[in-house]
Full PDB file with SEQRES, HELIX, SHEET, SSBOND, CRYST1, ORIGX, SCALE, CONECT and MASTER records, all heavy atoms in Angstrom:
SEQRES   1 A   39  ILE ASP ARG VAL ALA VAL THR TRP PRO THR THR GLY MET          
SEQRES   2 A   39  VAL THR VAL LEU ARG ASP VAL PRO ALA ASN SER THR ILE          
SEQRES   3 A   39  VAL ILE HIS GLU GLY ARG ASP GLU TYR LEU VAL LEU ASP          
SHEET    1 AA1 2 ARG A   3  THR A   7  0                                        
SHEET    2 AA1 2 VAL A  14  ARG A  18 -1                                        
SHEET    1 AA2 2 THR A  25  ILE A  28  0                                        
SHEET    2 AA2 2 TYR A  35  LEU A  38 -1                                        
CRYST1    1.000    1.000    1.000  90.00  90.00  90.00 P 1           1          
ORIGX1      1.000000  0.000000  0.000000        0.00000                         
ORIGX2      0.000000  1.000000  0.000000        0.00000                         
ORIGX3      0.000000  0.000000  1.000000        0.00000                         
SCALE1      1.000000  0.000000  0.000000        0.00000                         
SCALE2      0.000000  1.000000  0.000000        0.00000                         
SCALE3      0.000000  0.000000  1.000000        0.00000                         
ATOM      1  N   ILE A   1      40.396 -42.908  22.492  1.00  0.00           N  
ATOM      2  CA  ILE A   1      40.492 -41.942  21.400  1.00  0.00           C  
ATOM      3  C   ILE A   1      39.212 -42.009  20.638  1.00  0.00           C  
ATOM      4  O   ILE A   1      38.769 -43.114  20.221  1.00  0.00           O  
ATOM      5  CB  ILE A   1      41.670 -42.275  20.494  1.00  0.00           C  
ATOM      6  CG1 ILE A   1      42.960 -42.443  21.263  1.00  0.00           C  
ATOM      7  CG2 ILE A   1      41.815 -41.226  19.386  1.00  0.00           C  
ATOM      8  CD1 ILE A   1      43.299 -41.292  22.188  1.00  0.00           C  
ATOM      9  N   ASP A   2      38.519 -40.931  20.415  1.00  0.00           N  
ATOM     10  CA  ASP A   2      37.220 -40.936  19.768  1.00  0.00           C  
ATOM     11  C   ASP A   2      37.348 -41.408  18.331  1.00  0.00           C  
ATOM     12  O   ASP A   2      36.590 -42.262  17.877  1.00  0.00           O  
ATOM     13  CB  ASP A   2      36.611 -39.523  19.800  1.00  0.00           C  
ATOM     14  CG  ASP A   2      35.235 -39.475  19.101  1.00  0.00           C  
ATOM     15  OD1 ASP A   2      34.418 -40.410  19.376  1.00  0.00           O  
ATOM     16  OD2 ASP A   2      35.026 -38.565  18.298  1.00  0.00           O  
ATOM     17  N   ARG A   3      38.318 -40.846  17.588  1.00  0.00           N  
ATOM     18  CA  ARG A   3      38.339 -41.114  16.134  1.00  0.00           C  
ATOM     19  C   ARG A   3      39.755 -41.135  15.631  1.00  0.00           C  
ATOM     20  O   ARG A   3      40.543 -40.202  15.891  1.00  0.00           O  
ATOM     21  CB  ARG A   3      37.541 -40.068  15.426  1.00  0.00           C  
ATOM     22  CG  ARG A   3      37.506 -40.192  13.937  1.00  0.00           C  
ATOM     23  CD  ARG A   3      36.585 -39.107  13.328  1.00  0.00           C  
ATOM     24  NE  ARG A   3      36.473 -39.228  11.896  1.00  0.00           N  
ATOM     25  CZ  ARG A   3      37.270 -38.636  11.014  1.00  0.00           C  
ATOM     26  NH1 ARG A   3      38.255 -37.834  11.422  1.00  0.00           N  
ATOM     27  NH2 ARG A   3      37.112 -38.813   9.719  1.00  0.00           N  
ATOM     28  N   VAL A   4      40.125 -42.164  14.868  1.00  0.00           N  
ATOM     29  CA  VAL A   4      41.391 -42.215  14.109  1.00  0.00           C  
ATOM     30  C   VAL A   4      41.009 -42.362  12.674  1.00  0.00           C  
ATOM     31  O   VAL A   4      40.342 -43.324  12.282  1.00  0.00           O  
ATOM     32  CB  VAL A   4      42.275 -43.386  14.583  1.00  0.00           C  
ATOM     33  CG1 VAL A   4      43.512 -43.473  13.716  1.00  0.00           C  
ATOM     34  CG2 VAL A   4      42.623 -43.259  16.059  1.00  0.00           C  
ATOM     35  N   ALA A   5      41.439 -41.424  11.835  1.00  0.00           N  
ATOM     36  CA  ALA A   5      41.199 -41.502  10.395  1.00  0.00           C  
ATOM     37  C   ALA A   5      42.531 -41.671   9.680  1.00  0.00           C  
ATOM     38  O   ALA A   5      43.437 -40.933   9.882  1.00  0.00           O  
ATOM     39  CB  ALA A   5      40.496 -40.250   9.853  1.00  0.00           C  
ATOM     40  N   VAL A   6      42.591 -42.711   8.826  1.00  0.00           N  
ATOM     41  CA  VAL A   6      43.814 -43.073   8.120  1.00  0.00           C  
ATOM     42  C   VAL A   6      43.524 -42.912   6.609  1.00  0.00           C  
ATOM     43  O   VAL A   6      42.602 -43.540   6.062  1.00  0.00           O  
ATOM     44  CB  VAL A   6      44.231 -44.478   8.403  1.00  0.00           C  
ATOM     45  CG1 VAL A   6      45.520 -44.832   7.690  1.00  0.00           C  
ATOM     46  CG2 VAL A   6      44.407 -44.722   9.932  1.00  0.00           C  
ATOM     47  N   THR A   7      44.287 -42.046   5.938  1.00  0.00           N  
ATOM     48  CA  THR A   7      44.140 -41.914   4.469  1.00  0.00           C  
ATOM     49  C   THR A   7      45.434 -42.573   3.846  1.00  0.00           C  
ATOM     50  O   THR A   7      46.492 -42.106   4.069  1.00  0.00           O  
ATOM     51  CB  THR A   7      44.041 -40.433   4.032  1.00  0.00           C  
ATOM     52  OG1 THR A   7      42.931 -39.810   4.744  1.00  0.00           O  
ATOM     53  CG2 THR A   7      43.795 -40.333   2.528  1.00  0.00           C  
ATOM     54  N   TRP A   8      45.177 -43.640   3.089  1.00  0.00           N  
ATOM     55  CA  TRP A   8      46.244 -44.420   2.486  1.00  0.00           C  
ATOM     56  C   TRP A   8      46.752 -43.680   1.235  1.00  0.00           C  
ATOM     57  O   TRP A   8      46.019 -43.130   0.447  1.00  0.00           O  
ATOM     58  CB  TRP A   8      45.841 -45.831   2.215  1.00  0.00           C  
ATOM     59  CG  TRP A   8      45.386 -46.544   3.465  1.00  0.00           C  
ATOM     60  CD1 TRP A   8      44.170 -46.564   4.046  1.00  0.00           C  
ATOM     61  CD2 TRP A   8      46.277 -47.202   4.357  1.00  0.00           C  
ATOM     62  NE1 TRP A   8      44.202 -47.240   5.238  1.00  0.00           N  
ATOM     63  CE2 TRP A   8      45.492 -47.666   5.458  1.00  0.00           C  
ATOM     64  CE3 TRP A   8      47.622 -47.477   4.368  1.00  0.00           C  
ATOM     65  CZ2 TRP A   8      46.036 -48.373   6.491  1.00  0.00           C  
ATOM     66  CZ3 TRP A   8      48.153 -48.202   5.453  1.00  0.00           C  
ATOM     67  CH2 TRP A   8      47.363 -48.624   6.494  1.00  0.00           C  
ATOM     68  N   PRO A   9      48.109 -43.723   0.997  1.00  0.00           N  
ATOM     69  CA  PRO A   9      48.724 -42.868  -0.017  1.00  0.00           C  
ATOM     70  C   PRO A   9      48.365 -43.126  -1.508  1.00  0.00           C  
ATOM     71  O   PRO A   9      48.050 -42.205  -2.180  1.00  0.00           O  
ATOM     72  CB  PRO A   9      50.239 -43.051   0.204  1.00  0.00           C  
ATOM     73  CG  PRO A   9      50.387 -44.330   0.949  1.00  0.00           C  
ATOM     74  CD  PRO A   9      49.108 -44.480   1.719  1.00  0.00           C  
ATOM     75  N   THR A  10      48.374 -44.321  -1.934  1.00  0.00           N  
ATOM     76  CA  THR A  10      48.166 -44.584  -3.364  1.00  0.00           C  
ATOM     77  C   THR A  10      46.709 -44.644  -3.712  1.00  0.00           C  
ATOM     78  O   THR A  10      46.293 -44.052  -4.732  1.00  0.00           O  
ATOM     79  CB  THR A  10      48.841 -45.919  -3.793  1.00  0.00           C  
ATOM     80  OG1 THR A  10      50.256 -45.829  -3.458  1.00  0.00           O  
ATOM     81  CG2 THR A  10      48.692 -46.181  -5.265  1.00  0.00           C  
ATOM     82  N   THR A  11      45.886 -45.279  -2.913  1.00  0.00           N  
ATOM     83  CA  THR A  11      44.510 -45.490  -3.280  1.00  0.00           C  
ATOM     84  C   THR A  11      43.611 -44.350  -2.808  1.00  0.00           C  
ATOM     85  O   THR A  11      42.517 -44.134  -3.310  1.00  0.00           O  
ATOM     86  CB  THR A  11      43.938 -46.760  -2.646  1.00  0.00           C  
ATOM     87  OG1 THR A  11      44.029 -46.653  -1.247  1.00  0.00           O  
ATOM     88  CG2 THR A  11      44.703 -48.017  -3.091  1.00  0.00           C  
ATOM     89  N   GLY A  12      44.043 -43.571  -1.803  1.00  0.00           N  
ATOM     90  CA  GLY A  12      43.188 -42.543  -1.178  1.00  0.00           C  
ATOM     91  C   GLY A  12      42.147 -43.138  -0.289  1.00  0.00           C  
ATOM     92  O   GLY A  12      41.274 -42.421   0.232  1.00  0.00           O  
ATOM     93  N   MET A  13      42.146 -44.457  -0.145  1.00  0.00           N  
ATOM     94  CA  MET A  13      41.171 -45.123   0.749  1.00  0.00           C  
ATOM     95  C   MET A  13      41.312 -44.580   2.168  1.00  0.00           C  
ATOM     96  O   MET A  13      42.389 -44.298   2.636  1.00  0.00           O  
ATOM     97  CB  MET A  13      41.441 -46.635   0.758  1.00  0.00           C  
ATOM     98  CG  MET A  13      40.478 -47.439   1.596  1.00  0.00           C  
ATOM     99  SD  MET A  13      40.918 -49.188   1.712  1.00  0.00           S  
ATOM    100  CE  MET A  13      41.001 -49.613  -0.058  1.00  0.00           C  
ATOM    101  N   VAL A  14      40.159 -44.371   2.818  1.00  0.00           N  
ATOM    102  CA  VAL A  14      40.133 -43.892   4.199  1.00  0.00           C  
ATOM    103  C   VAL A  14      39.630 -44.947   5.139  1.00  0.00           C  
ATOM    104  O   VAL A  14      38.566 -45.551   4.922  1.00  0.00           O  
ATOM    105  CB  VAL A  14      39.263 -42.600   4.301  1.00  0.00           C  
ATOM    106  CG1 VAL A  14      39.215 -42.130   5.764  1.00  0.00           C  
ATOM    107  CG2 VAL A  14      39.769 -41.504   3.385  1.00  0.00           C  
ATOM    108  N   THR A  15      40.351 -45.249   6.182  1.00  0.00           N  
ATOM    109  CA  THR A  15      39.964 -46.184   7.225  1.00  0.00           C  
ATOM    110  C   THR A  15      39.660 -45.305   8.448  1.00  0.00           C  
ATOM    111  O   THR A  15      40.497 -44.477   8.864  1.00  0.00           O  
ATOM    112  CB  THR A  15      41.130 -47.112   7.586  1.00  0.00           C  
ATOM    113  OG1 THR A  15      41.515 -47.857   6.425  1.00  0.00           O  
ATOM    114  CG2 THR A  15      40.760 -48.084   8.689  1.00  0.00           C  
ATOM    115  N   VAL A  16      38.474 -45.498   9.033  1.00  0.00           N  
ATOM    116  CA  VAL A  16      38.093 -44.704  10.240  1.00  0.00           C  
ATOM    117  C   VAL A  16      37.891 -45.692  11.396  1.00  0.00           C  
ATOM    118  O   VAL A  16      37.152 -46.667  11.256  1.00  0.00           O  
ATOM    119  CB  VAL A  16      36.800 -43.918   9.993  1.00  0.00           C  
ATOM    120  CG1 VAL A  16      36.402 -43.142  11.297  1.00  0.00           C  
ATOM    121  CG2 VAL A  16      37.021 -42.889   8.867  1.00  0.00           C  
ATOM    122  N   LEU A  17      38.551 -45.436  12.504  1.00  0.00           N  
ATOM    123  CA  LEU A  17      38.414 -46.254  13.707  1.00  0.00           C  
ATOM    124  C   LEU A  17      37.826 -45.451  14.765  1.00  0.00           C  
ATOM    125  O   LEU A  17      38.078 -44.258  14.924  1.00  0.00           O  
ATOM    126  CB  LEU A  17      39.846 -46.783  14.123  1.00  0.00           C  
ATOM    127  CG  LEU A  17      40.677 -47.502  13.070  1.00  0.00           C  
ATOM    128  CD1 LEU A  17      42.056 -47.746  13.542  1.00  0.00           C  
ATOM    129  CD2 LEU A  17      39.958 -48.794  12.613  1.00  0.00           C  
ATOM    130  N   ARG A  18      37.013 -46.052  15.612  1.00  0.00           N  
ATOM    131  CA  ARG A  18      36.319 -45.331  16.750  1.00  0.00           C  
ATOM    132  C   ARG A  18      36.675 -46.010  18.075  1.00  0.00           C  
ATOM    133  O   ARG A  18      36.949 -47.242  18.098  1.00  0.00           O  
ATOM    134  CB  ARG A  18      34.800 -45.421  16.568  1.00  0.00           C  
ATOM    135  CG  ARG A  18      34.287 -44.639  15.359  1.00  0.00           C  
ATOM    136  CD  ARG A  18      34.380 -43.186  15.610  1.00  0.00           C  
ATOM    137  NE  ARG A  18      33.650 -42.418  14.617  1.00  0.00           N  
ATOM    138  CZ  ARG A  18      33.488 -41.162  14.698  1.00  0.00           C  
ATOM    139  NH1 ARG A  18      33.955 -40.435  15.691  1.00  0.00           N  
ATOM    140  NH2 ARG A  18      32.836 -40.486  13.763  1.00  0.00           N  
ATOM    141  N   ASP A  19      36.686 -45.195  19.115  1.00  0.00           N  
ATOM    142  CA  ASP A  19      36.911 -45.750  20.481  1.00  0.00           C  
ATOM    143  C   ASP A  19      38.147 -46.605  20.573  1.00  0.00           C  
ATOM    144  O   ASP A  19      38.120 -47.688  21.105  1.00  0.00           O  
ATOM    145  CB  ASP A  19      35.690 -46.501  20.981  1.00  0.00           C  
ATOM    146  CG  ASP A  19      34.453 -45.602  21.063  1.00  0.00           C  
ATOM    147  OD1 ASP A  19      34.629 -44.431  21.506  1.00  0.00           O  
ATOM    148  OD2 ASP A  19      33.360 -46.030  20.728  1.00  0.00           O  
ATOM    149  N   VAL A  20      39.256 -46.090  20.167  1.00  0.00           N  
ATOM    150  CA  VAL A  20      40.561 -46.792  20.224  1.00  0.00           C  
ATOM    151  C   VAL A  20      41.135 -46.558  21.642  1.00  0.00           C  
ATOM    152  O   VAL A  20      41.065 -45.434  22.110  1.00  0.00           O  
ATOM    153  CB  VAL A  20      41.531 -46.198  19.145  1.00  0.00           C  
ATOM    154  CG1 VAL A  20      42.901 -46.807  19.268  1.00  0.00           C  
ATOM    155  CG2 VAL A  20      40.902 -46.358  17.768  1.00  0.00           C  
ATOM    156  N   PRO A  21      41.612 -47.570  22.289  1.00  0.00           N  
ATOM    157  CA  PRO A  21      42.118 -47.400  23.634  1.00  0.00           C  
ATOM    158  C   PRO A  21      43.371 -46.486  23.683  1.00  0.00           C  
ATOM    159  O   PRO A  21      44.241 -46.577  22.824  1.00  0.00           O  
ATOM    160  CB  PRO A  21      42.481 -48.804  24.086  1.00  0.00           C  
ATOM    161  CG  PRO A  21      42.630 -49.609  22.842  1.00  0.00           C  
ATOM    162  CD  PRO A  21      41.747 -48.959  21.843  1.00  0.00           C  
ATOM    163  N   ALA A  22      43.365 -45.587  24.707  1.00  0.00           N  
ATOM    164  CA  ALA A  22      44.526 -44.740  24.907  1.00  0.00           C  
ATOM    165  C   ALA A  22      45.690 -45.525  25.484  1.00  0.00           C  
ATOM    166  O   ALA A  22      45.498 -46.684  25.970  1.00  0.00           O  
ATOM    167  CB  ALA A  22      44.136 -43.587  25.858  1.00  0.00           C  
ATOM    168  N   ASN A  23      46.863 -45.028  25.487  1.00  0.00           N  
ATOM    169  CA  ASN A  23      48.058 -45.663  26.017  1.00  0.00           C  
ATOM    170  C   ASN A  23      48.315 -47.034  25.431  1.00  0.00           C  
ATOM    171  O   ASN A  23      48.594 -47.992  26.138  1.00  0.00           O  
ATOM    172  CB  ASN A  23      47.994 -45.727  27.551  1.00  0.00           C  
ATOM    173  CG  ASN A  23      47.914 -44.384  28.180  1.00  0.00           C  
ATOM    174  OD1 ASN A  23      48.695 -43.491  27.783  1.00  0.00           O  
ATOM    175  ND2 ASN A  23      47.061 -44.209  29.148  1.00  0.00           N  
ATOM    176  N   SER A  24      48.087 -47.164  24.151  1.00  0.00           N  
ATOM    177  CA  SER A  24      48.295 -48.455  23.468  1.00  0.00           C  
ATOM    178  C   SER A  24      49.031 -48.179  22.127  1.00  0.00           C  
ATOM    179  O   SER A  24      48.990 -47.154  21.583  1.00  0.00           O  
ATOM    180  CB  SER A  24      47.034 -49.129  23.260  1.00  0.00           C  
ATOM    181  OG  SER A  24      46.152 -48.387  22.402  1.00  0.00           O  
ATOM    182  N   THR A  25      49.627 -49.236  21.654  1.00  0.00           N  
ATOM    183  CA  THR A  25      50.217 -49.286  20.308  1.00  0.00           C  
ATOM    184  C   THR A  25      49.312 -50.153  19.486  1.00  0.00           C  
ATOM    185  O   THR A  25      49.031 -51.293  19.852  1.00  0.00           O  
ATOM    186  CB  THR A  25      51.657 -49.883  20.346  1.00  0.00           C  
ATOM    187  OG1 THR A  25      52.469 -49.055  21.221  1.00  0.00           O  
ATOM    188  CG2 THR A  25      52.243 -49.873  18.973  1.00  0.00           C  
ATOM    189  N   ILE A  26      48.865 -49.591  18.307  1.00  0.00           N  
ATOM    190  CA  ILE A  26      47.982 -50.375  17.484  1.00  0.00           C  
ATOM    191  C   ILE A  26      48.599 -50.552  16.124  1.00  0.00           C  
ATOM    192  O   ILE A  26      49.449 -49.755  15.685  1.00  0.00           O  
ATOM    193  CB  ILE A  26      46.594 -49.741  17.335  1.00  0.00           C  
ATOM    194  CG1 ILE A  26      46.666 -48.332  16.705  1.00  0.00           C  
ATOM    195  CG2 ILE A  26      45.950 -49.622  18.705  1.00  0.00           C  
ATOM    196  CD1 ILE A  26      45.314 -47.740  16.374  1.00  0.00           C  
ATOM    197  N   VAL A  27      48.170 -51.606  15.411  1.00  0.00           N  
ATOM    198  CA  VAL A  27      48.566 -51.859  14.044  1.00  0.00           C  
ATOM    199  C   VAL A  27      47.310 -51.735  13.165  1.00  0.00           C  
ATOM    200  O   VAL A  27      46.316 -52.396  13.453  1.00  0.00           O  
ATOM    201  CB  VAL A  27      49.210 -53.260  13.868  1.00  0.00           C  
ATOM    202  CG1 VAL A  27      49.571 -53.482  12.404  1.00  0.00           C  
ATOM    203  CG2 VAL A  27      50.482 -53.364  14.770  1.00  0.00           C  
ATOM    204  N   ILE A  28      47.368 -50.927  12.157  1.00  0.00           N  
ATOM    205  CA  ILE A  28      46.262 -50.732  11.244  1.00  0.00           C  
ATOM    206  C   ILE A  28      46.622 -51.307   9.873  1.00  0.00           C  
ATOM    207  O   ILE A  28      47.692 -50.972   9.343  1.00  0.00           O  
ATOM    208  CB  ILE A  28      45.896 -49.265  11.113  1.00  0.00           C  
ATOM    209  CG1 ILE A  28      45.627 -48.681  12.526  1.00  0.00           C  
ATOM    210  CG2 ILE A  28      44.707 -49.035  10.237  1.00  0.00           C  
ATOM    211  CD1 ILE A  28      45.590 -47.146  12.525  1.00  0.00           C  
ATOM    212  N   HIS A  29      45.750 -52.093   9.276  1.00  0.00           N  
ATOM    213  CA  HIS A  29      45.977 -52.655   7.958  1.00  0.00           C  
ATOM    214  C   HIS A  29      45.105 -51.964   6.931  1.00  0.00           C  
ATOM    215  O   HIS A  29      43.945 -51.680   7.178  1.00  0.00           O  
ATOM    216  CB  HIS A  29      45.557 -54.145   7.909  1.00  0.00           C  
ATOM    217  CG  HIS A  29      46.574 -55.047   8.644  1.00  0.00           C  
ATOM    218  ND1 HIS A  29      47.555 -55.756   7.973  1.00  0.00           N  
ATOM    219  CD2 HIS A  29      46.740 -55.350   9.943  1.00  0.00           C  
ATOM    220  CE1 HIS A  29      48.248 -56.424   8.822  1.00  0.00           C  
ATOM    221  NE2 HIS A  29      47.770 -56.156  10.047  1.00  0.00           N  
ATOM    222  N   GLU A  30      45.698 -51.585   5.827  1.00  0.00           N  
ATOM    223  CA  GLU A  30      44.926 -50.970   4.719  1.00  0.00           C  
ATOM    224  C   GLU A  30      43.774 -51.887   4.323  1.00  0.00           C  
ATOM    225  O   GLU A  30      43.933 -53.083   4.156  1.00  0.00           O  
ATOM    226  CB  GLU A  30      45.877 -50.740   3.523  1.00  0.00           C  
ATOM    227  CG  GLU A  30      45.199 -50.000   2.416  1.00  0.00           C  
ATOM    228  CD  GLU A  30      46.173 -49.730   1.225  1.00  0.00           C  
ATOM    229  OE1 GLU A  30      47.305 -50.205   1.247  1.00  0.00           O  
ATOM    230  OE2 GLU A  30      45.775 -48.972   0.387  1.00  0.00           O  
ATOM    231  N   GLY A  31      42.651 -51.291   4.133  1.00  0.00           N  
ATOM    232  CA  GLY A  31      41.437 -51.989   3.675  1.00  0.00           C  
ATOM    233  C   GLY A  31      40.653 -52.672   4.745  1.00  0.00           C  
ATOM    234  O   GLY A  31      39.643 -53.344   4.455  1.00  0.00           O  
ATOM    235  N   ARG A  32      41.058 -52.515   6.023  1.00  0.00           N  
ATOM    236  CA  ARG A  32      40.321 -53.122   7.087  1.00  0.00           C  
ATOM    237  C   ARG A  32      39.869 -52.068   8.043  1.00  0.00           C  
ATOM    238  O   ARG A  32      40.620 -51.180   8.434  1.00  0.00           O  
ATOM    239  CB  ARG A  32      41.199 -54.166   7.871  1.00  0.00           C  
ATOM    240  CG  ARG A  32      41.636 -55.253   6.997  1.00  0.00           C  
ATOM    241  CD  ARG A  32      42.503 -56.246   7.829  1.00  0.00           C  
ATOM    242  NE  ARG A  32      43.314 -57.035   6.970  1.00  0.00           N  
ATOM    243  CZ  ARG A  32      44.261 -57.857   7.438  1.00  0.00           C  
ATOM    244  NH1 ARG A  32      44.544 -57.898   8.676  1.00  0.00           N  
ATOM    245  NH2 ARG A  32      44.994 -58.521   6.562  1.00  0.00           N  
ATOM    246  N   ASP A  33      38.646 -52.130   8.547  1.00  0.00           N  
ATOM    247  CA  ASP A  33      38.151 -51.171   9.560  1.00  0.00           C  
ATOM    248  C   ASP A  33      38.287 -51.730  10.965  1.00  0.00           C  
ATOM    249  O   ASP A  33      37.364 -51.696  11.746  1.00  0.00           O  
ATOM    250  CB  ASP A  33      36.688 -50.829   9.208  1.00  0.00           C  
ATOM    251  CG  ASP A  33      36.508 -49.947   7.988  1.00  0.00           C  
ATOM    252  OD1 ASP A  33      37.469 -49.220   7.652  1.00  0.00           O  
ATOM    253  OD2 ASP A  33      35.532 -50.111   7.342  1.00  0.00           O  
ATOM    254  N   GLU A  34      39.436 -52.265  11.260  1.00  0.00           N  
ATOM    255  CA  GLU A  34      39.757 -52.810  12.535  1.00  0.00           C  
ATOM    256  C   GLU A  34      41.257 -52.604  12.768  1.00  0.00           C  
ATOM    257  O   GLU A  34      42.011 -52.197  11.914  1.00  0.00           O  
ATOM    258  CB  GLU A  34      39.392 -54.280  12.569  1.00  0.00           C  
ATOM    259  CG  GLU A  34      40.224 -55.112  11.531  1.00  0.00           C  
ATOM    260  CD  GLU A  34      39.750 -56.540  11.419  1.00  0.00           C  
ATOM    261  OE1 GLU A  34      38.610 -56.853  11.908  1.00  0.00           O  
ATOM    262  OE2 GLU A  34      40.485 -57.388  10.924  1.00  0.00           O  
ATOM    263  N   TYR A  35      41.702 -52.902  13.990  1.00  0.00           N  
ATOM    264  CA  TYR A  35      43.051 -52.674  14.347  1.00  0.00           C  
ATOM    265  C   TYR A  35      43.489 -53.792  15.310  1.00  0.00           C  
ATOM    266  O   TYR A  35      42.647 -54.437  15.948  1.00  0.00           O  
ATOM    267  CB  TYR A  35      43.332 -51.296  14.931  1.00  0.00           C  
ATOM    268  CG  TYR A  35      42.458 -51.004  16.133  1.00  0.00           C  
ATOM    269  CD1 TYR A  35      42.913 -51.357  17.389  1.00  0.00           C  
ATOM    270  CD2 TYR A  35      41.233 -50.415  15.993  1.00  0.00           C  
ATOM    271  CE1 TYR A  35      42.091 -51.105  18.540  1.00  0.00           C  
ATOM    272  CE2 TYR A  35      40.427 -50.118  17.102  1.00  0.00           C  
ATOM    273  CZ  TYR A  35      40.865 -50.485  18.330  1.00  0.00           C  
ATOM    274  OH  TYR A  35      40.087 -50.222  19.442  1.00  0.00           O  
ATOM    275  N   LEU A  36      44.746 -53.994  15.488  1.00  0.00           N  
ATOM    276  CA  LEU A  36      45.357 -54.929  16.380  1.00  0.00           C  
ATOM    277  C   LEU A  36      46.055 -54.144  17.468  1.00  0.00           C  
ATOM    278  O   LEU A  36      46.869 -53.266  17.170  1.00  0.00           O  
ATOM    279  CB  LEU A  36      46.305 -55.859  15.669  1.00  0.00           C  
ATOM    280  CG  LEU A  36      47.189 -56.780  16.525  1.00  0.00           C  
ATOM    281  CD1 LEU A  36      46.282 -57.778  17.196  1.00  0.00           C  
ATOM    282  CD2 LEU A  36      48.249 -57.401  15.719  1.00  0.00           C  
ATOM    283  N   VAL A  37      45.763 -54.396  18.782  1.00  0.00           N  
ATOM    284  CA  VAL A  37      46.400 -53.757  19.898  1.00  0.00           C  
ATOM    285  C   VAL A  37      47.551 -54.629  20.262  1.00  0.00           C  
ATOM    286  O   VAL A  37      47.386 -55.822  20.558  1.00  0.00           O  
ATOM    287  CB  VAL A  37      45.432 -53.535  21.093  1.00  0.00           C  
ATOM    288  CG1 VAL A  37      46.190 -52.943  22.275  1.00  0.00           C  
ATOM    289  CG2 VAL A  37      44.270 -52.704  20.719  1.00  0.00           C  
ATOM    290  N   LEU A  38      48.780 -54.080  20.271  1.00  0.00           N  
ATOM    291  CA  LEU A  38      49.962 -54.846  20.638  1.00  0.00           C  
ATOM    292  C   LEU A  38      50.065 -54.873  22.206  1.00  0.00           C  
ATOM    293  O   LEU A  38      49.865 -53.856  22.841  1.00  0.00           O  
ATOM    294  CB  LEU A  38      51.200 -54.227  20.102  1.00  0.00           C  
ATOM    295  CG  LEU A  38      51.284 -54.174  18.556  1.00  0.00           C  
ATOM    296  CD1 LEU A  38      52.567 -53.526  18.086  1.00  0.00           C  
ATOM    297  CD2 LEU A  38      51.118 -55.572  17.956  1.00  0.00           C  
ATOM    298  N   ASP A  39      50.462 -55.963  22.708  1.00  0.00           N  
ATOM    299  CA  ASP A  39      50.639 -56.185  24.168  1.00  0.00           C  
ATOM    300  C   ASP A  39      51.899 -55.463  24.562  1.00  0.00           C  
ATOM    301  O   ASP A  39      52.942 -55.735  23.993  1.00  0.00           O  
ATOM    302  CB  ASP A  39      50.747 -57.670  24.459  1.00  0.00           C  
ATOM    303  CG  ASP A  39      50.804 -57.917  25.961  1.00  0.00           C  
ATOM    304  OD1 ASP A  39      50.707 -56.972  26.799  1.00  0.00           O  
ATOM    305  OD2 ASP A  39      50.988 -59.090  26.380  1.00  0.00           O  
TER     306      ASP A  39                                                      
MASTER        0    0    0    0    4    0    0    6  305    1    0    3          
END                                                                             
């Protein structure tokens, strides 16, 4: 996936992720520009 943009509700903070693997489940934490891929 080229781009995932996450806009968080209270702060309006935007997290942008690039080159996310397809066919995966990911966990995104507010305030971090990284993600965790679940096995």
